[in-house]
Amino acid sequence: MILYNITINVTAEIEEDFISWMKTTHIPEVLNTGIFHDHKFFRLLHESEDGSTNYCIQYFTESIDKMMEYEKQHAALLRAKTQERYKDKAVAFRTLLETI
């Protein structure tokens, strides 16, 4: 199994909107691609000096081939929507993990 992990640093001024938008719009759009069969949405428990919060969204898919399909066919548009909405107030870091 492949885990696609996105950690996003979110400024305090957009935090409420970000959570709502992720739950009602963005995560459903990602899942509607048919690539991922499950997801988890977390808030990292730590205090930052600038008042920002980190969130982690994890998506699960069966194979690296499915993940590459997502990258080729869907990722750019979905990332652009997030970038357009939040600009530099939500900065993402992405990783891929494989079950051993």
N, C-alpha and C. Protein backbone atom coordinates (compact mmCIF):
# COMPACT_ATOMS: atom_id res chain seq x y z
N MET A 1 0.85 -1.18 0.00
CA MET A 1 0.00 0.00 0.00
C MET A 1 0.89 1.24 0.00
N ILE A 2 0.40 2.29 -0.62
CA ILE A 2 1.10 3.57 -0.70
C ILE A 2 0.33 4.61 0.11
N LEU A 3 1.08 5.35 0.91
CA LEU A 3 0.53 6.45 1.69
C LEU A 3 1.07 7.75 1.10
N TYR A 4 0.16 8.61 0.66
CA TYR A 4 0.50 9.94 0.16
C TYR A 4 0.21 10.90 1.30
N ASN A 5 1.24 11.50 1.85
CA ASN A 5 1.14 12.35 3.03
C ASN A 5 1.42 13.80 2.65
N ILE A 6 0.48 14.68 2.97
CA ILE A 6 0.67 16.11 2.73
C ILE A 6 0.60 16.81 4.08
N THR A 7 1.68 17.48 4.46
CA THR A 7 1.71 18.28 5.67
C THR A 7 1.64 19.74 5.24
N ILE A 8 0.71 20.48 5.82
CA ILE A 8 0.48 21.87 5.41
C ILE A 8 0.58 22.79 6.62
N ASN A 9 1.43 23.79 6.51
CA ASN A 9 1.54 24.83 7.53
C ASN A 9 0.53 25.91 7.19
N VAL A 10 -0.38 26.18 8.13
CA VAL A 10 -1.52 27.07 7.89
C VAL A 10 -1.45 28.25 8.86
N THR A 11 -1.57 29.47 8.32
CA THR A 11 -1.57 30.64 9.19
C THR A 11 -2.88 30.71 9.98
N ALA A 12 -2.81 31.36 11.14
CA ALA A 12 -3.97 31.44 12.03
C ALA A 12 -5.16 32.14 11.36
N GLU A 13 -4.90 33.11 10.50
CA GLU A 13 -6.00 33.88 9.90
C GLU A 13 -6.88 33.07 8.95
N ILE A 14 -6.39 31.97 8.40
CA ILE A 14 -7.20 31.16 7.47
C ILE A 14 -7.57 29.81 8.05
N GLU A 15 -7.14 29.53 9.26
CA GLU A 15 -7.26 28.17 9.81
C GLU A 15 -8.69 27.62 9.78
N GLU A 16 -9.65 28.38 10.26
CA GLU A 16 -11.04 27.91 10.29
C GLU A 16 -11.55 27.61 8.88
N ASP A 17 -11.31 28.53 7.96
CA ASP A 17 -11.74 28.33 6.57
C ASP A 17 -11.03 27.13 5.96
N PHE A 18 -9.74 26.98 6.24
CA PHE A 18 -8.97 25.88 5.70
C PHE A 18 -9.55 24.53 6.11
N ILE A 19 -9.84 24.36 7.39
CA ILE A 19 -10.40 23.10 7.87
C ILE A 19 -11.73 22.81 7.18
N SER A 20 -12.58 23.80 7.14
CA SER A 20 -13.89 23.62 6.51
C SER A 20 -13.76 23.28 5.03
N TRP A 21 -12.92 24.00 4.31
CA TRP A 21 -12.74 23.78 2.88
C TRP A 21 -12.14 22.41 2.61
N MET A 22 -11.18 21.99 3.43
CA MET A 22 -10.58 20.66 3.25
C MET A 22 -11.64 19.58 3.40
N LYS A 23 -12.46 19.70 4.45
CA LYS A 23 -13.46 18.67 4.73
C LYS A 23 -14.60 18.63 3.71
N THR A 24 -15.03 19.80 3.26
CA THR A 24 -16.22 19.85 2.39
C THR A 24 -15.91 19.87 0.90
N THR A 25 -14.71 20.31 0.54
CA THR A 25 -14.40 20.49 -0.88
C THR A 25 -13.17 19.72 -1.33
N HIS A 26 -12.01 20.06 -0.78
CA HIS A 26 -10.77 19.51 -1.32
C HIS A 26 -10.62 18.00 -1.13
N ILE A 27 -10.77 17.52 0.08
CA ILE A 27 -10.62 16.08 0.31
C ILE A 27 -11.64 15.29 -0.52
N PRO A 28 -12.92 15.69 -0.57
CA PRO A 28 -13.85 14.96 -1.45
C PRO A 28 -13.42 14.98 -2.92
N GLU A 29 -12.85 16.10 -3.40
CA GLU A 29 -12.38 16.15 -4.78
C GLU A 29 -11.25 15.16 -5.02
N VAL A 30 -10.32 15.08 -4.07
CA VAL A 30 -9.22 14.12 -4.21
C VAL A 30 -9.76 12.69 -4.21
N LEU A 31 -10.65 12.39 -3.30
CA LEU A 31 -11.21 11.04 -3.24
C LEU A 31 -12.04 10.71 -4.47
N ASN A 32 -12.69 11.70 -5.05
CA ASN A 32 -13.51 11.47 -6.25
C ASN A 32 -12.69 11.15 -7.50
N THR A 33 -11.37 11.28 -7.41
CA THR A 33 -10.54 10.86 -8.55
C THR A 33 -10.56 9.34 -8.72
N GLY A 34 -10.93 8.63 -7.67
CA GLY A 34 -10.96 7.18 -7.72
C GLY A 34 -9.61 6.53 -7.45
N ILE A 35 -8.60 7.33 -7.18
CA ILE A 35 -7.25 6.81 -6.95
C ILE A 35 -7.08 6.30 -5.53
N PHE A 36 -7.67 6.99 -4.57
CA PHE A 36 -7.46 6.69 -3.16
C PHE A 36 -8.71 6.04 -2.57
N HIS A 37 -8.50 5.06 -1.68
CA HIS A 37 -9.63 4.35 -1.07
C HIS A 37 -9.92 4.78 0.36
N ASP A 38 -9.02 5.60 0.95
CA ASP A 38 -9.25 6.07 2.31
C ASP A 38 -8.39 7.30 2.56
N HIS A 39 -8.70 8.01 3.63
CA HIS A 39 -7.90 9.17 4.03
C HIS A 39 -8.00 9.38 5.53
N LYS A 40 -7.08 10.17 6.06
CA LYS A 40 -7.09 10.63 7.45
C LYS A 40 -6.70 12.11 7.43
N PHE A 41 -7.25 12.87 8.37
CA PHE A 41 -6.97 14.31 8.46
C PHE A 41 -6.58 14.60 9.91
N PHE A 42 -5.36 15.10 10.11
CA PHE A 42 -4.82 15.32 11.45
C PHE A 42 -4.36 16.76 11.65
N ARG A 43 -4.36 17.18 12.91
CA ARG A 43 -3.71 18.41 13.32
C ARG A 43 -2.48 17.98 14.13
N LEU A 44 -1.32 18.52 13.81
CA LEU A 44 -0.12 18.21 14.57
C LEU A 44 -0.18 18.94 15.91
N LEU A 45 0.18 18.25 16.97
CA LEU A 45 0.12 18.81 18.31
C LEU A 45 1.47 19.38 18.69
N HIS A 46 1.61 20.66 18.42
CA HIS A 46 2.82 21.39 18.80
C HIS A 46 2.48 22.87 18.79
N GLU A 47 3.28 23.64 19.46
CA GLU A 47 3.09 25.09 19.46
C GLU A 47 4.15 25.73 18.58
N SER A 48 3.71 26.65 17.74
CA SER A 48 4.66 27.36 16.88
C SER A 48 4.79 28.80 17.36
N GLU A 49 5.93 29.36 17.12
CA GLU A 49 6.20 30.74 17.56
C GLU A 49 5.36 31.76 16.80
N ASP A 50 5.03 31.46 15.54
CA ASP A 50 4.29 32.42 14.72
C ASP A 50 2.78 32.24 14.76
N GLY A 51 2.29 31.28 15.55
CA GLY A 51 0.85 31.08 15.68
C GLY A 51 0.24 30.20 14.60
N SER A 52 1.06 29.70 13.68
CA SER A 52 0.54 28.83 12.63
C SER A 52 0.33 27.42 13.17
N THR A 53 -0.41 26.62 12.42
CA THR A 53 -0.69 25.23 12.79
C THR A 53 -0.38 24.34 11.60
N ASN A 54 0.12 23.15 11.88
CA ASN A 54 0.37 22.17 10.82
C ASN A 54 -0.74 21.14 10.81
N TYR A 55 -1.19 20.83 9.61
CA TYR A 55 -2.19 19.79 9.39
C TYR A 55 -1.58 18.74 8.48
N CYS A 56 -2.06 17.53 8.64
CA CYS A 56 -1.56 16.42 7.84
C CYS A 56 -2.77 15.70 7.24
N ILE A 57 -2.77 15.55 5.92
CA ILE A 57 -3.79 14.78 5.24
C ILE A 57 -3.10 13.58 4.63
N GLN A 58 -3.62 12.40 4.94
CA GLN A 58 -3.04 11.17 4.43
C GLN A 58 -4.06 10.48 3.53
N TYR A 59 -3.61 10.11 2.35
CA TYR A 59 -4.44 9.39 1.39
C TYR A 59 -3.80 8.03 1.13
N PHE A 60 -4.63 7.00 1.01
CA PHE A 60 -4.15 5.63 0.84
C PHE A 60 -4.58 5.08 -0.51
N THR A 61 -3.61 4.49 -1.23
CA THR A 61 -3.88 3.86 -2.52
C THR A 61 -3.14 2.52 -2.58
N GLU A 62 -3.52 1.70 -3.53
CA GLU A 62 -3.01 0.33 -3.59
C GLU A 62 -1.61 0.19 -4.19
N SER A 63 -1.22 1.12 -5.07
CA SER A 63 0.05 0.90 -5.78
C SER A 63 0.70 2.22 -6.19
N ILE A 64 1.98 2.13 -6.48
CA ILE A 64 2.70 3.30 -6.98
C ILE A 64 2.18 3.69 -8.35
N ASP A 65 1.71 2.72 -9.13
CA ASP A 65 1.11 3.03 -10.44
C ASP A 65 -0.11 3.92 -10.29
N LYS A 66 -0.95 3.62 -9.31
CA LYS A 66 -2.13 4.46 -9.04
C LYS A 66 -1.70 5.87 -8.62
N MET A 67 -0.66 5.94 -7.81
CA MET A 67 -0.15 7.24 -7.36
C MET A 67 0.37 8.04 -8.54
N MET A 68 1.08 7.39 -9.44
CA MET A 68 1.60 8.08 -10.63
C MET A 68 0.46 8.55 -11.53
N GLU A 69 -0.60 7.76 -11.59
CA GLU A 69 -1.80 8.16 -12.34
C GLU A 69 -2.38 9.45 -11.75
N TYR A 70 -2.44 9.51 -10.43
CA TYR A 70 -2.92 10.72 -9.75
C TYR A 70 -2.04 11.91 -10.11
N GLU A 71 -0.73 11.73 -10.02
CA GLU A 71 0.21 12.81 -10.33
C GLU A 71 0.03 13.31 -11.76
N LYS A 72 -0.13 12.41 -12.70
CA LYS A 72 -0.23 12.79 -14.12
C LYS A 72 -1.57 13.42 -14.47
N GLN A 73 -2.65 12.91 -13.87
CA GLN A 73 -3.98 13.32 -14.33
C GLN A 73 -4.71 14.31 -13.42
N HIS A 74 -4.35 14.39 -12.15
CA HIS A 74 -5.18 15.17 -11.21
C HIS A 74 -4.43 16.17 -10.34
N ALA A 75 -3.21 15.86 -9.98
CA ALA A 75 -2.51 16.62 -8.94
C ALA A 75 -2.37 18.10 -9.26
N ALA A 76 -1.96 18.43 -10.46
CA ALA A 76 -1.70 19.83 -10.80
C ALA A 76 -2.94 20.71 -10.60
N LEU A 77 -4.08 20.26 -11.08
CA LEU A 77 -5.30 21.04 -10.96
C LEU A 77 -5.72 21.20 -9.49
N LEU A 78 -5.67 20.11 -8.73
CA LEU A 78 -6.08 20.18 -7.33
C LEU A 78 -5.13 21.03 -6.51
N ARG A 79 -3.84 20.95 -6.78
CA ARG A 79 -2.87 21.80 -6.08
C ARG A 79 -3.09 23.27 -6.44
N ALA A 80 -3.39 23.53 -7.69
CA ALA A 80 -3.61 24.91 -8.14
C ALA A 80 -4.82 25.53 -7.43
N LYS A 81 -5.85 24.75 -7.21
CA LYS A 81 -7.03 25.27 -6.51
C LYS A 81 -6.67 25.70 -5.08
N THR A 82 -5.88 24.88 -4.42
CA THR A 82 -5.46 25.22 -3.05
C THR A 82 -4.56 26.44 -3.07
N GLN A 83 -3.63 26.48 -3.99
CA GLN A 83 -2.71 27.62 -4.10
C GLN A 83 -3.47 28.91 -4.39
N GLU A 84 -4.43 28.83 -5.30
CA GLU A 84 -5.23 30.02 -5.65
C GLU A 84 -6.03 30.52 -4.45
N ARG A 85 -6.56 29.60 -3.68
CA ARG A 85 -7.40 29.99 -2.54
C ARG A 85 -6.58 30.57 -1.38
N TYR A 86 -5.42 29.96 -1.08
CA TYR A 86 -4.69 30.33 0.13
C TYR A 86 -3.32 30.97 -0.10
N LYS A 87 -2.83 30.93 -1.31
CA LYS A 87 -1.53 31.51 -1.66
C LYS A 87 -0.45 31.07 -0.67
N ASP A 88 0.29 31.99 -0.08
CA ASP A 88 1.39 31.62 0.82
C ASP A 88 0.93 31.44 2.28
N LYS A 89 -0.37 31.40 2.51
CA LYS A 89 -0.89 31.21 3.86
C LYS A 89 -1.09 29.73 4.21
N ALA A 90 -0.87 28.87 3.21
CA ALA A 90 -0.92 27.42 3.42
C ALA A 90 0.20 26.81 2.57
N VAL A 91 1.27 26.39 3.22
CA VAL A 91 2.45 25.89 2.53
C VAL A 91 2.55 24.38 2.76
N ALA A 92 2.60 23.62 1.65
CA ALA A 92 2.55 22.16 1.72
C ALA A 92 3.90 21.50 1.51
N PHE A 93 4.06 20.36 2.18
CA PHE A 93 5.22 19.49 2.01
C PHE A 93 4.67 18.08 1.81
N ARG A 94 5.06 17.41 0.71
CA ARG A 94 4.48 16.11 0.35
C ARG A 94 5.51 14.99 0.43
N THR A 95 5.06 13.82 0.90
CA THR A 95 5.91 12.63 0.94
C THR A 95 5.09 11.41 0.53
N LEU A 96 5.79 10.42 -0.02
CA LEU A 96 5.19 9.13 -0.34
C LEU A 96 5.83 8.08 0.55
N LEU A 97 5.01 7.21 1.09
CA LEU A 97 5.50 6.12 1.93
C LEU A 97 4.92 4.81 1.41
N GLU A 98 5.68 3.75 1.58
CA GLU A 98 5.25 2.43 1.14
C GLU A 98 5.21 1.48 2.34
N THR A 99 4.14 0.70 2.44
CA THR A 99 4.04 -0.30 3.50
C THR A 99 5.08 -1.39 3.27
N ILE A 100 5.77 -1.77 4.34
CA ILE A 100 6.78 -2.83 4.25
C ILE A 100 6.20 -4.10 4.85
